[in-house]
Protein backbone atom coordinates (compact mmCIF):
# COMPACT_ATOMS: atom_id res chain seq x y z
CA UNK A 1 163.09 16.91 -275.33
CA UNK A 2 160.80 17.27 -272.85
CA UNK A 3 157.54 18.59 -272.56
CA UNK A 4 157.04 22.31 -270.82
CA UNK A 5 154.44 21.35 -267.23
CA UNK A 6 152.76 24.59 -265.48
CA UNK A 7 154.38 24.02 -261.70
CA UNK A 8 152.20 27.43 -260.65
CA UNK A 9 149.85 29.36 -261.81
CA UNK A 10 148.51 33.16 -259.94
CA UNK A 11 146.03 35.24 -261.75
CA UNK A 12 146.55 39.19 -262.18
CA UNK A 13 143.71 41.98 -262.16
CA UNK A 14 144.11 45.70 -262.10
CA UNK A 15 141.14 45.81 -259.58
CA UNK A 16 139.08 48.02 -261.98
CA UNK A 17 136.60 49.86 -261.01
CA UNK A 18 133.45 52.69 -261.81
CA UNK A 19 134.12 56.22 -261.54
CA UNK A 20 130.72 56.76 -259.74
CA UNK A 21 130.82 53.14 -257.92
CA UNK A 22 134.46 52.29 -256.45
CA UNK A 23 133.43 49.56 -254.09
CA UNK A 24 131.57 47.54 -256.54
CA UNK A 25 134.71 47.03 -258.50
CA UNK A 26 137.15 46.72 -255.17
CA UNK A 27 134.38 44.45 -253.82
CA UNK A 28 134.09 42.29 -257.56
CA UNK A 29 138.22 41.74 -257.12
CA UNK A 30 138.04 40.75 -253.22
CA UNK A 31 135.52 38.23 -254.32
CA UNK A 32 137.73 37.83 -258.01
CA UNK A 33 140.66 36.61 -255.54
CA UNK A 34 138.90 34.06 -252.49
CA UNK A 35 137.62 32.58 -256.28
CA UNK A 36 141.15 32.10 -257.40
CA UNK A 37 141.85 30.17 -254.40
CA UNK A 38 139.03 27.87 -254.19
CA UNK A 39 139.98 26.63 -258.18
CA UNK A 40 143.46 26.09 -256.81
CA UNK A 41 145.61 29.09 -258.06
CA UNK A 42 149.11 29.53 -256.68
CA UNK A 43 148.70 33.51 -255.80
CA UNK A 44 146.55 36.09 -256.69
CA UNK A 45 148.11 39.72 -257.88
CA UNK A 46 146.97 43.10 -257.78
CA UNK A 47 148.10 45.95 -259.90
CA UNK A 48 149.22 49.42 -258.18
CA UNK A 49 148.45 52.57 -260.13
CA UNK A 50 147.27 56.12 -259.58
CA UNK A 51 145.14 58.46 -261.30
CA UNK A 52 143.49 55.62 -262.76
CA UNK A 53 140.16 53.76 -261.85
CA UNK A 54 142.18 51.06 -260.21
CA UNK A 55 143.74 49.94 -256.76
CA UNK A 56 146.34 53.34 -255.75
CA UNK A 57 147.62 51.20 -252.39
CA UNK A 58 148.84 47.48 -253.03
CA UNK A 59 148.71 47.29 -249.44
CA UNK A 60 145.71 48.65 -248.34
CA UNK A 61 143.77 45.73 -250.43
CA UNK A 62 145.99 43.20 -249.67
CA UNK A 63 145.18 42.77 -245.83
CA UNK A 64 141.40 43.03 -247.28
CA UNK A 65 142.25 39.95 -249.60
CA UNK A 66 144.47 38.32 -246.58
CA UNK A 67 141.43 38.33 -244.70
CA UNK A 68 139.10 37.55 -247.08
CA UNK A 69 141.85 34.32 -248.16
CA UNK A 70 143.49 30.92 -246.54
CA UNK A 71 145.94 30.09 -248.70
CA UNK A 72 146.61 32.26 -251.99
CA UNK A 73 150.09 33.57 -251.98
CA UNK A 74 149.05 37.51 -252.27
CA UNK A 75 151.24 39.65 -254.79
CA UNK A 76 151.99 43.74 -255.94
CA UNK A 77 152.76 43.38 -259.95
CA UNK A 78 154.19 46.98 -259.27
CA UNK A 79 154.40 49.39 -256.66
CA UNK A 80 155.75 52.41 -258.27
CA UNK A 81 158.43 52.81 -255.68
CA UNK A 82 158.84 56.55 -256.48
CA UNK A 83 156.12 57.14 -254.84
CA UNK A 84 156.63 55.28 -252.28
CA UNK A 85 158.27 56.44 -248.58
CA UNK A 86 160.67 52.94 -247.78
CA UNK A 87 160.17 52.97 -243.57
CA UNK A 88 156.57 53.48 -243.85
CA UNK A 89 155.39 51.18 -247.09
CA UNK A 90 157.40 48.75 -245.11
CA UNK A 91 155.19 49.46 -242.02
CA UNK A 92 152.55 48.90 -244.60
CA UNK A 93 153.65 45.84 -245.75
CA UNK A 94 154.85 44.45 -242.94
CA UNK A 95 150.70 44.84 -240.94
CA UNK A 96 149.23 43.40 -244.00
CA UNK A 97 151.51 39.88 -244.53
CA UNK A 98 151.29 39.54 -241.01
CA UNK A 99 147.44 40.08 -241.20
CA UNK A 100 147.67 37.07 -243.97
CA UNK A 101 149.95 35.09 -241.60
CA UNK A 102 152.54 35.88 -243.89
CA UNK A 103 151.34 35.38 -247.28
CA UNK A 104 152.30 38.33 -249.25
CA UNK A 105 155.05 38.93 -252.31
CA UNK A 106 155.61 42.18 -253.24
CA UNK A 107 157.22 43.81 -256.51
CA UNK A 108 158.11 47.09 -256.97
CA UNK A 109 158.89 49.22 -260.01
CA UNK A 110 161.31 51.90 -260.47
CA UNK A 111 159.17 54.54 -262.25
CA UNK A 112 156.60 57.28 -261.21
CA UNK A 113 154.15 57.40 -263.63
CA UNK A 114 152.52 60.58 -264.22
CA UNK A 115 155.21 62.63 -262.14
CA UNK A 116 154.39 65.79 -263.85
CA UNK A 117 150.92 65.85 -261.89
CA UNK A 118 151.56 63.47 -259.11
CA UNK A 119 154.98 64.46 -257.79
CA UNK A 120 154.67 68.09 -256.52
CA UNK A 121 151.44 66.22 -254.34
CA UNK A 122 153.25 63.77 -252.66
CA UNK A 123 156.52 65.20 -252.09
CA UNK A 124 157.15 68.73 -250.41
CA UNK A 125 160.86 69.28 -251.60
CA UNK A 126 161.94 68.72 -254.97
CA UNK A 127 161.64 65.39 -255.67
CA UNK A 128 163.64 65.42 -259.02
CA UNK A 129 166.75 65.63 -256.55
CA UNK A 130 165.78 62.29 -254.96
CA UNK A 131 167.01 58.92 -255.59
CA UNK A 132 164.17 56.95 -257.38
CA UNK A 133 165.86 53.72 -258.45
CA UNK A 134 167.04 50.67 -257.05
CA UNK A 135 168.47 52.66 -254.28
CA UNK A 136 165.03 53.32 -252.62
CA UNK A 137 164.13 49.41 -253.25
CA UNK A 138 167.52 48.70 -251.14
CA UNK A 139 166.52 51.14 -248.34
CA UNK A 140 163.22 49.43 -248.00
CA UNK A 141 164.52 46.31 -247.90
CA UNK A 142 167.25 47.29 -245.00
CA UNK A 143 163.04 48.76 -243.48
CA UNK A 144 161.65 45.03 -243.62
CA UNK A 145 165.39 43.42 -242.17
CA UNK A 146 164.12 45.23 -239.15
CA UNK A 147 167.80 46.30 -237.98
CA UNK A 148 167.52 47.87 -234.36
CA UNK A 149 167.32 52.24 -234.83
CA UNK A 150 169.77 54.28 -233.22
CA UNK A 151 173.04 52.80 -230.89
CA UNK A 152 172.23 49.78 -228.45
CA UNK A 153 171.61 52.26 -225.52
CA UNK A 154 168.49 53.76 -227.39
CA UNK A 155 164.80 52.88 -226.02
CA UNK A 156 160.77 53.75 -227.12
CA UNK A 157 158.19 54.85 -224.25
CA UNK A 158 155.25 53.88 -224.56
CA UNK A 159 152.48 52.95 -222.27
CA UNK A 160 153.13 49.52 -220.37
CA UNK A 161 156.30 48.93 -222.27
CA UNK A 162 160.25 50.06 -223.21
CA UNK A 163 161.88 48.74 -225.91
CA UNK A 164 164.58 49.02 -228.28
CA UNK A 165 162.81 51.44 -231.75
CA UNK A 166 162.11 48.98 -234.97
CA UNK A 167 160.07 48.90 -238.08
CA UNK A 168 156.57 47.13 -236.15
CA UNK A 169 155.52 44.61 -236.74
CA UNK A 170 159.17 42.66 -237.12
CA UNK A 171 158.98 39.36 -239.05
CA UNK A 172 162.01 39.30 -240.87
CA UNK A 173 162.09 39.12 -244.77
CA UNK A 174 163.41 36.33 -246.53
CA UNK A 175 165.52 36.56 -249.65
CA UNK A 176 164.48 38.00 -253.22
CA UNK A 177 163.73 36.35 -256.09
CA UNK A 178 163.37 37.83 -259.43
CA UNK A 179 165.01 37.98 -263.19
CA UNK A 180 168.19 40.63 -263.24
CA UNK A 181 171.36 40.39 -262.42
CA UNK A 182 172.24 40.46 -258.13
CA UNK A 183 172.74 43.63 -257.69
CA UNK A 184 169.50 44.91 -259.45
CA UNK A 185 167.32 42.48 -257.47
CA UNK A 186 168.67 43.88 -253.68
CA UNK A 187 168.35 47.91 -255.37
CA UNK A 188 171.95 47.96 -256.21
CA UNK A 189 172.83 48.76 -259.94
CA UNK A 190 175.66 51.52 -260.73
CA UNK A 191 173.36 52.28 -264.36
CA UNK A 192 170.91 54.84 -264.63
CA UNK A 193 167.12 54.78 -263.77
CA UNK A 194 165.37 52.69 -265.03
CA UNK A 195 161.43 50.67 -264.95
CA UNK A 196 162.05 47.41 -263.34
CA UNK A 197 160.18 44.79 -260.84
CA UNK A 198 161.57 42.59 -258.16
CA UNK A 199 159.19 40.18 -256.27
CA UNK A 200 160.19 39.73 -252.40
CA UNK A 201 158.38 37.31 -249.72
CA UNK A 202 157.56 40.34 -247.62
CA UNK A 203 158.46 38.58 -244.40
CA UNK A 204 159.63 35.06 -243.38
CA UNK A 205 156.85 31.79 -242.06
CA UNK A 206 157.85 28.77 -241.17
CA UNK A 207 155.60 26.95 -243.37
CA UNK A 208 156.84 29.23 -246.25
CA UNK A 209 159.54 28.92 -249.55
CA UNK A 210 158.44 31.16 -252.59
CA UNK A 211 156.45 29.11 -255.07
CA UNK A 212 156.07 31.86 -257.63
CA UNK A 213 157.59 34.05 -260.15
CA UNK A 214 155.82 37.71 -260.80
CA UNK A 215 154.22 38.49 -263.21
CA UNK A 216 154.80 41.20 -265.78
CA UNK A 217 153.23 44.29 -265.02
């Protein structure tokens, strides 16, 4: 019988901070990511939580972490998709991934923690009628792929530039990784909404191959 071996190692933290001094806790979390890289860890993951003393925007935090590190994979475990716009979050993640030179690993969950407190603050309409499960994740992945919007003749004008519109910065995603079915990983489960974590390298780069699985949320 073969002995199991560890082929990759990652750390996971919520990025806790004191109520009266958030900067110190967030700075210490960034330093933890730097220290993990110096120790040879393969990945450093942040949890995203709302209304708690922890990181409320994984994309913003990982954009900062990408400027403080050079090699280590940067992950989210997990972003509750129910509170996110599939297009706007895709923009934020794509930008953070490019700034980190293709090191982002993205995990999503289908839940809406504290929905009774936050639902009406996040959405102007009746969010109870929205698709807040796998389908929302599938829409985000489609946005990350960067398909052109509108017809083949649709263009937008900006100073000094005319271009076909699509999510920018554009750097198409590679395939999803997850422990569930292909349908769950792609956000197409026909079953009832439930909390699930999936992992996706946000964009592709020539030297990049996924090596880690997402930590438990």
